[in-house]
Amino acid sequence: MTFEEYKGKTVFVTGASSGIGQAQAIAFIENGANVYGFDLDEQGLGKLFHQYPDQFAYKVGSVCNKDDVEQAFEAAISKFKQVDILLNTAGVLDGFAKTLDTDEVLWDKIMNTNVKGTYFVTNTVLPHMVKRKSGVIVNMASIAGLVAGGGGAAYTASKHAIVGYTKQLDLDYCREGIRANAIAPGAIQTPMNKADFEGDGEMAKWVANETPAGRWAQPHEVANLTLYLASSAADYIHGAIMPIDGGWLTK
């Protein structure tokens, strides 16, 4: 998938060291964009820098830490002068824990990363976009933000929050030149889901069988959707939650 319009643009990606975030970073780089990655895991970020030293820069830090986020954004501006596209991709799972199995520590971990982290990063980058009267934000929701069964109590609650936050974000700032949407993945084979494939892989097989498409998706498929959703071809798509779930929601 090729988009000439990304040449000279800058993309800020959270969760860029692996999985969907890394695939998004690579997809935009290969379409000519500069990418600034932000993640707790330096190994994956360093690997991207080694592969794309002219187009990729990064900072190690947590989306839960406001100072880390602000320092990363300042470094991105210093390096690439602007941020045109924000991809709030960082997130964590809760092991499908029911509410009575979810202690306060787990609840806070999920909410601080998935919800507050998205809020911190957005509120750091958004003023820059508003000042320029131009910007695209793509948040990472989930099918768990639309139906039950895609995660545990905390994860499902967090992704429902991202759905609502995305809609309100677009409504509040679309007249300021900002466009916000979210992607709702189903079964995507990433390091975050590696436990499903361990041992005999019965959980992974079950998920594939329960998915109408009959398989897990790969991270680059979500990255391809992101390329479209962030492009001018999708300019009239506002506040939408775009499923990429192999038909899971049609059941």
Protein backbone atom coordinates (compact mmCIF):
# COMPACT_ATOMS: atom_id res chain seq x y z
CA MET A 1 0.00 0.00 0.00
CA THR A 2 1.58 3.26 -1.14
CA PHE A 3 0.73 6.83 -0.15
CA GLU A 4 2.96 9.49 -1.69
CA GLU A 5 1.44 12.13 0.62
CA TYR A 6 3.39 10.88 3.63
CA LYS A 7 6.73 12.06 2.28
CA GLY A 8 7.93 14.84 4.56
CA LYS A 9 5.24 14.17 7.19
CA THR A 10 6.08 13.24 10.78
CA VAL A 11 4.30 10.53 12.74
CA PHE A 12 4.49 10.14 16.54
CA VAL A 13 3.83 6.51 17.55
CA THR A 14 3.43 5.10 21.06
CA GLY A 15 4.07 1.40 21.59
CA ALA A 16 6.46 1.48 18.63
CA SER A 17 8.90 -1.19 19.81
CA SER A 18 6.80 -4.21 18.82
CA GLY A 19 3.53 -5.52 17.46
CA ILE A 20 1.07 -3.15 15.84
CA GLY A 21 3.01 -0.03 16.84
CA GLN A 22 6.19 -1.28 15.21
CA ALA A 23 4.30 -2.32 12.08
CA GLN A 24 2.73 1.14 11.91
CA ALA A 25 6.13 2.79 12.26
CA ILE A 26 7.59 0.69 9.44
CA ALA A 27 4.59 1.26 7.18
CA PHE A 28 4.82 5.04 7.47
CA ILE A 29 8.60 5.04 7.10
CA GLU A 30 8.34 2.96 3.94
CA ASN A 31 5.86 5.52 2.62
CA GLY A 32 8.36 8.32 3.12
CA ALA A 33 7.38 9.65 6.54
CA ASN A 34 9.61 10.49 9.47
CA VAL A 35 8.59 8.57 12.58
CA TYR A 36 9.26 9.28 16.24
CA GLY A 37 8.76 6.21 18.42
CA PHE A 38 7.97 6.13 22.12
CA ASP A 39 7.94 2.99 24.23
CA LEU A 40 9.25 1.40 27.42
CA ASP A 41 11.18 -1.26 25.48
CA GLU A 42 14.40 0.17 24.07
CA GLN A 43 15.39 -3.01 22.21
CA GLY A 44 12.65 -2.77 19.61
CA LEU A 45 13.12 0.98 19.23
CA GLY A 46 16.85 0.55 18.74
CA LYS A 47 16.26 -2.07 16.09
CA LEU A 48 14.09 0.35 14.11
CA PHE A 49 16.69 3.08 14.46
CA HIS A 50 19.37 0.72 13.15
CA GLN A 51 17.17 -0.10 10.13
CA TYR A 52 16.01 3.46 9.41
CA PRO A 53 18.55 5.89 10.95
CA ASP A 54 17.51 8.82 8.76
CA GLN A 55 13.75 8.53 9.25
CA PHE A 56 13.35 7.13 12.74
CA ALA A 57 14.18 8.56 16.15
CA TYR A 58 12.92 7.55 19.56
CA LYS A 59 12.76 8.02 23.28
CA VAL A 60 12.32 5.39 25.96
CA GLY A 61 9.59 6.18 28.45
CA SER A 62 6.11 5.47 29.73
CA VAL A 63 2.85 6.91 28.46
CA CYS A 64 1.77 6.86 32.12
CA ASN A 65 4.46 9.40 33.00
CA LYS A 66 3.56 12.92 31.92
CA ASP A 67 7.17 14.11 32.09
CA ASP A 68 8.32 11.25 29.85
CA VAL A 69 5.60 12.09 27.33
CA GLU A 70 6.42 15.80 27.26
CA GLN A 71 10.14 15.13 26.88
CA ALA A 72 9.49 12.72 24.01
CA PHE A 73 7.29 15.24 22.21
CA GLU A 74 9.85 18.01 22.66
CA ALA A 75 12.54 15.70 21.27
CA ALA A 76 10.32 14.84 18.29
CA ILE A 77 9.81 18.52 17.51
CA SER A 78 13.52 19.20 17.91
CA LYS A 79 14.35 16.38 15.51
CA PHE A 80 11.59 16.63 12.89
CA LYS A 81 10.15 20.16 13.52
CA GLN A 82 6.50 19.08 13.52
CA VAL A 83 4.07 16.23 14.23
CA ASP A 84 1.39 15.68 11.60
CA ILE A 85 -0.02 12.34 12.76
CA LEU A 86 -0.38 10.87 16.25
CA LEU A 87 -0.85 7.13 16.71
CA ASN A 88 -1.85 6.26 20.28
CA THR A 89 -1.07 2.55 20.03
CA ALA A 90 0.51 1.63 23.38
CA GLY A 91 -1.64 -0.66 25.49
CA VAL A 92 -1.64 -3.63 27.86
CA LEU A 93 -3.90 -6.63 28.43
CA ASP A 94 -5.44 -7.90 31.68
CA GLY A 95 -5.42 -11.66 31.10
CA PHE A 96 -9.22 -11.77 30.73
CA ALA A 97 -9.62 -11.23 34.48
CA LYS A 98 -13.21 -10.92 35.69
CA THR A 99 -13.99 -8.00 37.98
CA LEU A 100 -13.75 -10.09 41.20
CA ASP A 101 -10.33 -11.29 40.03
CA THR A 102 -9.17 -7.73 39.28
CA ASP A 103 -7.40 -6.05 42.17
CA GLU A 104 -6.75 -2.35 42.35
CA VAL A 105 -3.18 -2.74 41.12
CA LEU A 106 -4.27 -4.46 37.90
CA TRP A 107 -7.17 -2.04 37.38
CA ASP A 108 -4.87 0.96 37.73
CA LYS A 109 -2.23 -0.57 35.45
CA ILE A 110 -4.75 -1.10 32.65
CA MET A 111 -6.49 2.25 33.06
CA ASN A 112 -3.28 4.26 33.47
CA THR A 113 -1.72 2.78 30.35
CA ASN A 114 -4.68 2.42 28.02
CA VAL A 115 -6.75 5.46 29.01
CA LYS A 116 -4.68 7.98 30.94
CA GLY A 117 -1.69 7.28 28.67
CA THR A 118 -3.77 8.12 25.60
CA TYR A 119 -5.00 11.26 27.36
CA PHE A 120 -1.48 12.35 28.36
CA VAL A 121 -0.05 11.89 24.87
CA THR A 122 -3.02 13.49 23.12
CA ASN A 123 -3.03 16.54 25.38
CA THR A 124 0.70 16.95 24.83
CA VAL A 125 0.58 16.77 21.02
CA LEU A 126 -2.83 18.34 20.37
CA PRO A 127 -1.95 22.00 21.12
CA HIS A 128 0.77 21.79 18.45
CA MET A 129 -1.77 20.45 15.95
CA VAL A 130 -4.40 23.03 16.87
CA LYS A 131 -1.87 25.82 16.45
CA ARG A 132 -1.08 24.51 12.94
CA LYS A 133 -4.80 23.91 12.22
CA SER A 134 -3.87 20.46 10.98
CA GLY A 135 -3.51 17.01 12.49
CA VAL A 136 -4.69 13.42 12.42
CA ILE A 137 -5.05 11.23 15.51
CA VAL A 138 -5.61 7.48 15.35
CA ASN A 139 -6.29 5.82 18.69
CA MET A 140 -6.10 2.11 19.39
CA ALA A 141 -9.43 0.75 20.56
CA SER A 142 -10.37 -2.94 20.26
CA ILE A 143 -13.35 -5.12 19.59
CA ALA A 144 -13.37 -5.12 23.42
CA GLY A 145 -14.41 -1.48 23.13
CA LEU A 146 -17.55 -2.52 21.24
CA VAL A 147 -18.60 -5.87 22.71
CA ALA A 148 -17.89 -8.04 25.73
CA GLY A 149 -15.57 -11.04 25.51
CA GLY A 150 -12.52 -9.38 23.99
CA GLY A 151 -10.78 -8.93 27.32
CA GLY A 152 -11.31 -8.86 31.04
CA ALA A 153 -13.24 -6.30 33.07
CA ALA A 154 -10.50 -3.66 33.17
CA TYR A 155 -9.38 -4.05 29.57
CA THR A 156 -12.93 -3.97 28.23
CA ALA A 157 -13.72 -0.90 30.31
CA SER A 158 -10.54 0.82 29.13
CA LYS A 159 -11.26 0.21 25.46
CA HIS A 160 -14.88 1.37 25.80
CA ALA A 161 -13.35 4.54 27.28
CA ILE A 162 -11.10 4.94 24.24
CA VAL A 163 -14.12 4.66 21.95
CA GLY A 164 -15.93 7.45 23.80
CA TYR A 165 -12.80 9.57 24.12
CA THR A 166 -12.12 9.33 20.39
CA LYS A 167 -15.64 10.41 19.44
CA GLN A 168 -15.58 13.36 21.82
CA LEU A 169 -12.06 14.33 20.74
CA ASP A 170 -13.10 14.54 17.10
CA LEU A 171 -16.31 16.41 17.88
CA ASP A 172 -14.49 18.98 19.99
CA TYR A 173 -11.63 19.68 17.58
CA CYS A 174 -12.73 18.83 14.04
CA ARG A 175 -13.44 22.52 13.33
CA GLU A 176 -9.85 23.20 14.42
CA GLY A 177 -8.47 21.08 11.58
CA ILE A 178 -8.08 17.92 13.64
CA ARG A 179 -9.43 14.53 12.64
CA ALA A 180 -9.63 11.72 15.21
CA ASN A 181 -10.63 8.09 14.66
CA ALA A 182 -9.86 4.75 16.27
CA ILE A 183 -9.07 1.24 15.10
CA ALA A 184 -10.71 -1.76 16.77
CA PRO A 185 -8.60 -4.87 16.16
CA GLY A 186 -9.74 -8.39 16.81
CA ALA A 187 -7.26 -11.26 16.91
CA ILE A 188 -3.88 -9.86 15.87
CA GLN A 189 -0.78 -12.01 16.33
CA THR A 190 1.57 -9.80 18.35
CA PRO A 191 3.98 -10.34 21.25
CA MET A 192 1.19 -9.12 23.55
CA ASN A 193 -0.78 -12.26 22.64
CA LYS A 194 2.12 -14.71 22.71
CA ALA A 195 0.60 -16.63 25.65
CA ASP A 196 -2.21 -17.79 23.37
CA PHE A 197 0.31 -19.56 21.15
CA GLU A 198 2.37 -21.23 23.87
CA GLY A 199 2.35 -24.96 24.47
CA ASP A 200 -0.06 -26.71 22.13
CA GLY A 201 -1.51 -23.37 21.08
CA GLU A 202 -5.06 -24.47 21.83
CA MET A 203 -6.17 -20.96 22.75
CA ALA A 204 -4.83 -19.56 19.49
CA LYS A 205 -6.58 -22.33 17.56
CA TRP A 206 -9.83 -21.65 19.38
CA VAL A 207 -9.66 -17.93 18.59
CA ALA A 208 -8.97 -18.65 14.92
CA ASN A 209 -11.88 -21.07 14.74
CA GLU A 210 -14.20 -18.55 16.44
CA THR A 211 -13.17 -15.85 13.95
CA PRO A 212 -15.30 -15.99 10.77
CA ALA A 213 -12.19 -15.39 8.63
CA GLY A 214 -10.68 -18.48 10.25
CA ARG A 215 -7.33 -16.96 11.18
CA TRP A 216 -5.40 -14.40 13.19
CA ALA A 217 -4.33 -11.19 11.43
CA GLN A 218 -0.76 -9.91 11.28
CA PRO A 219 0.28 -6.46 12.57
CA HIS A 220 0.99 -5.14 9.07
CA GLU A 221 -2.70 -5.54 8.22
CA VAL A 222 -3.59 -3.09 10.99
CA ALA A 223 -0.78 -0.82 9.81
CA ASN A 224 -2.26 -0.80 6.31
CA LEU A 225 -5.63 0.31 7.70
CA THR A 226 -3.83 3.03 9.63
CA LEU A 227 -2.16 4.29 6.45
CA TYR A 228 -5.57 4.71 4.87
CA LEU A 229 -7.30 6.16 7.92
CA ALA A 230 -4.60 8.80 8.41
CA SER A 231 -4.56 9.78 4.73
CA SER A 232 -6.43 12.50 2.86
CA ALA A 233 -8.46 9.73 1.20
CA ALA A 234 -10.20 9.32 4.58
CA ASP A 235 -10.70 13.04 5.20
CA TYR A 236 -14.46 12.71 5.64
CA ILE A 237 -14.14 9.93 8.22
CA HIS A 238 -14.57 11.53 11.63
CA GLY A 239 -14.95 9.98 15.07
CA ALA A 240 -15.25 6.50 13.58
CA ILE A 241 -14.27 3.22 15.19
CA MET A 242 -12.95 1.00 12.41
CA PRO A 243 -13.07 -2.75 13.15
CA ILE A 244 -10.41 -5.05 11.72
CA ASP A 245 -11.51 -8.31 13.24
CA GLY A 246 -11.95 -10.98 10.57
CA GLY A 247 -15.73 -10.68 10.95
CA TRP A 248 -15.86 -11.23 14.72
CA LEU A 249 -18.45 -8.50 15.26
CA THR A 250 -20.76 -9.93 12.61
CA LYS A 251 -21.46 -13.04 14.69
